[in-house]
Amino acid sequence: MAKSSDDTRDASLRVSKKMRDSLKAAAAVAGRPLYDVTNEAINNYLAMVKAGGARKAKK
């Protein structure tokens, strides 16, 4: 079972790295501080989840 949890962890790290790279790129293109872009992305995500957007996206 350790293999499965390692695979899940590796996949999670790859997704996190992709997200971090995307946020860095967005900040660079917009000429804004990374933390501003990151906070904005988090707030947008939370607003989408609160509005039920996550359920709609899965369908």
N, C-alpha and C. Protein backbone atom coordinates (compact mmCIF):
# COMPACT_ATOMS: atom_id res chain seq x y z
N MET A 1 0.81 -1.20 0.00
CA MET A 1 0.00 0.00 0.00
C MET A 1 0.85 1.26 0.00
N ALA A 2 2.05 1.19 0.46
CA ALA A 2 2.91 2.37 0.49
C ALA A 2 3.12 2.91 -0.92
N LYS A 3 3.17 2.03 -1.90
CA LYS A 3 3.36 2.46 -3.28
C LYS A 3 2.22 3.36 -3.73
N SER A 4 0.98 3.01 -3.40
CA SER A 4 -0.18 3.80 -3.80
C SER A 4 -0.14 5.18 -3.15
N SER A 5 0.18 5.25 -1.88
CA SER A 5 0.22 6.54 -1.20
C SER A 5 1.37 7.39 -1.74
N ASP A 6 2.48 6.75 -2.11
CA ASP A 6 3.59 7.48 -2.71
C ASP A 6 3.19 8.05 -4.06
N ASP A 7 2.46 7.26 -4.86
CA ASP A 7 1.99 7.73 -6.16
C ASP A 7 1.05 8.91 -6.01
N THR A 8 0.15 8.83 -5.02
CA THR A 8 -0.79 9.92 -4.76
C THR A 8 -0.05 11.18 -4.34
N ARG A 9 0.93 11.01 -3.49
CA ARG A 9 1.72 12.16 -3.02
C ARG A 9 2.48 12.78 -4.19
N ASP A 10 3.10 11.95 -5.03
CA ASP A 10 3.83 12.46 -6.19
C ASP A 10 2.91 13.22 -7.13
N ALA A 11 1.72 12.69 -7.35
CA ALA A 11 0.76 13.36 -8.24
C ALA A 11 0.34 14.69 -7.63
N SER A 12 0.14 14.71 -6.33
CA SER A 12 -0.25 15.94 -5.64
C SER A 12 0.85 16.99 -5.77
N LEU A 13 2.09 16.58 -5.63
CA LEU A 13 3.21 17.52 -5.75
C LEU A 13 3.31 18.06 -7.17
N ARG A 14 3.07 17.20 -8.18
CA ARG A 14 3.13 17.66 -9.58
C ARG A 14 2.03 18.68 -9.83
N VAL A 15 0.83 18.44 -9.33
CA VAL A 15 -0.27 19.39 -9.51
C VAL A 15 0.08 20.69 -8.81
N SER A 16 0.59 20.60 -7.60
CA SER A 16 0.94 21.79 -6.84
C SER A 16 2.01 22.60 -7.57
N LYS A 17 3.00 21.91 -8.14
CA LYS A 17 4.06 22.60 -8.86
C LYS A 17 3.50 23.28 -10.10
N LYS A 18 2.60 22.61 -10.81
CA LYS A 18 1.97 23.22 -11.98
C LYS A 18 1.19 24.47 -11.58
N MET A 19 0.45 24.38 -10.48
CA MET A 19 -0.34 25.52 -10.02
C MET A 19 0.58 26.67 -9.60
N ARG A 20 1.63 26.35 -8.89
CA ARG A 20 2.58 27.37 -8.46
C ARG A 20 3.23 28.04 -9.67
N ASP A 21 3.62 27.24 -10.66
CA ASP A 21 4.22 27.79 -11.88
C ASP A 21 3.23 28.68 -12.63
N SER A 22 1.98 28.26 -12.67
CA SER A 22 0.95 29.06 -13.34
C SER A 22 0.74 30.40 -12.64
N LEU A 23 0.72 30.37 -11.31
CA LEU A 23 0.55 31.60 -10.55
C LEU A 23 1.75 32.53 -10.74
N LYS A 24 2.95 31.96 -10.76
CA LYS A 24 4.14 32.77 -10.98
C LYS A 24 4.09 33.43 -12.36
N ALA A 25 3.68 32.66 -13.36
CA ALA A 25 3.59 33.20 -14.72
C ALA A 25 2.55 34.31 -14.80
N ALA A 26 1.40 34.09 -14.17
CA ALA A 26 0.34 35.11 -14.19
C ALA A 26 0.82 36.38 -13.51
N ALA A 27 1.53 36.25 -12.41
CA ALA A 27 2.04 37.42 -11.69
C ALA A 27 3.06 38.17 -12.55
N ALA A 28 3.93 37.41 -13.21
CA ALA A 28 4.95 38.04 -14.04
C ALA A 28 4.33 38.79 -15.21
N VAL A 29 3.35 38.17 -15.87
CA VAL A 29 2.70 38.80 -17.01
C VAL A 29 1.94 40.06 -16.58
N ALA A 30 1.30 39.98 -15.43
CA ALA A 30 0.51 41.12 -14.94
C ALA A 30 1.37 42.17 -14.25
N GLY A 31 2.64 41.84 -13.97
CA GLY A 31 3.50 42.77 -13.27
C GLY A 31 3.05 43.02 -11.84
N ARG A 32 2.47 42.00 -11.24
CA ARG A 32 1.95 42.11 -9.87
C ARG A 32 2.74 41.18 -8.95
N PRO A 33 2.75 41.47 -7.66
CA PRO A 33 3.42 40.57 -6.71
C PRO A 33 2.75 39.20 -6.69
N LEU A 34 3.56 38.16 -6.55
CA LEU A 34 3.04 36.80 -6.55
C LEU A 34 1.99 36.59 -5.48
N TYR A 35 2.19 37.15 -4.27
CA TYR A 35 1.22 36.92 -3.19
C TYR A 35 -0.13 37.53 -3.52
N ASP A 36 -0.16 38.67 -4.24
CA ASP A 36 -1.44 39.25 -4.64
C ASP A 36 -2.19 38.33 -5.60
N VAL A 37 -1.47 37.82 -6.58
CA VAL A 37 -2.09 36.93 -7.56
C VAL A 37 -2.53 35.64 -6.90
N THR A 38 -1.71 35.12 -5.98
CA THR A 38 -2.06 33.89 -5.27
C THR A 38 -3.30 34.09 -4.42
N ASN A 39 -3.35 35.17 -3.66
CA ASN A 39 -4.52 35.44 -2.82
C ASN A 39 -5.77 35.63 -3.68
N GLU A 40 -5.63 36.30 -4.80
CA GLU A 40 -6.77 36.49 -5.70
C GLU A 40 -7.27 35.14 -6.23
N ALA A 41 -6.35 34.27 -6.61
CA ALA A 41 -6.72 32.95 -7.12
C ALA A 41 -7.43 32.14 -6.04
N ILE A 42 -6.92 32.20 -4.81
CA ILE A 42 -7.54 31.47 -3.70
C ILE A 42 -8.95 32.01 -3.44
N ASN A 43 -9.09 33.33 -3.42
CA ASN A 43 -10.40 33.93 -3.18
C ASN A 43 -11.39 33.58 -4.29
N ASN A 44 -10.92 33.57 -5.54
CA ASN A 44 -11.79 33.19 -6.66
C ASN A 44 -12.24 31.74 -6.54
N TYR A 45 -11.31 30.87 -6.15
CA TYR A 45 -11.64 29.47 -5.99
C TYR A 45 -12.67 29.28 -4.87
N LEU A 46 -12.45 29.93 -3.74
CA LEU A 46 -13.38 29.80 -2.62
C LEU A 46 -14.76 30.35 -2.97
N ALA A 47 -14.80 31.44 -3.72
CA ALA A 47 -16.09 32.00 -4.15
C ALA A 47 -16.81 31.02 -5.07
N MET A 48 -16.05 30.36 -5.96
CA MET A 48 -16.64 29.39 -6.88
C MET A 48 -17.21 28.20 -6.10
N VAL A 49 -16.45 27.73 -5.12
CA VAL A 49 -16.91 26.59 -4.31
C VAL A 49 -18.15 26.98 -3.51
N LYS A 50 -18.13 28.16 -2.95
CA LYS A 50 -19.27 28.63 -2.15
C LYS A 50 -20.53 28.75 -3.01
N ALA A 51 -20.35 29.14 -4.27
CA ALA A 51 -21.48 29.30 -5.19
C ALA A 51 -21.90 27.97 -5.81
N GLY A 52 -21.21 26.89 -5.47
CA GLY A 52 -21.56 25.59 -6.03
C GLY A 52 -20.89 25.33 -7.36
N GLY A 53 -19.92 26.13 -7.72
CA GLY A 53 -19.23 25.98 -8.99
C GLY A 53 -18.46 24.69 -9.11
N ALA A 54 -17.97 24.20 -8.01
CA ALA A 54 -17.19 22.95 -8.04
C ALA A 54 -18.07 21.78 -8.45
N ARG A 55 -19.30 21.77 -7.97
CA ARG A 55 -20.22 20.68 -8.35
C ARG A 55 -20.58 20.80 -9.83
N LYS A 56 -20.80 22.01 -10.31
CA LYS A 56 -21.15 22.21 -11.72
C LYS A 56 -20.00 21.82 -12.62
N ALA A 57 -18.77 22.10 -12.20
CA ALA A 57 -17.60 21.79 -13.01
C ALA A 57 -17.40 20.30 -13.17
N LYS A 58 -17.81 19.50 -12.17
CA LYS A 58 -17.62 18.05 -12.21
C LYS A 58 -18.58 17.39 -13.18
N LYS A 59 -19.72 18.01 -13.46
CA LYS A 59 -20.72 17.37 -14.31
C LYS A 59 -20.33 17.38 -15.75
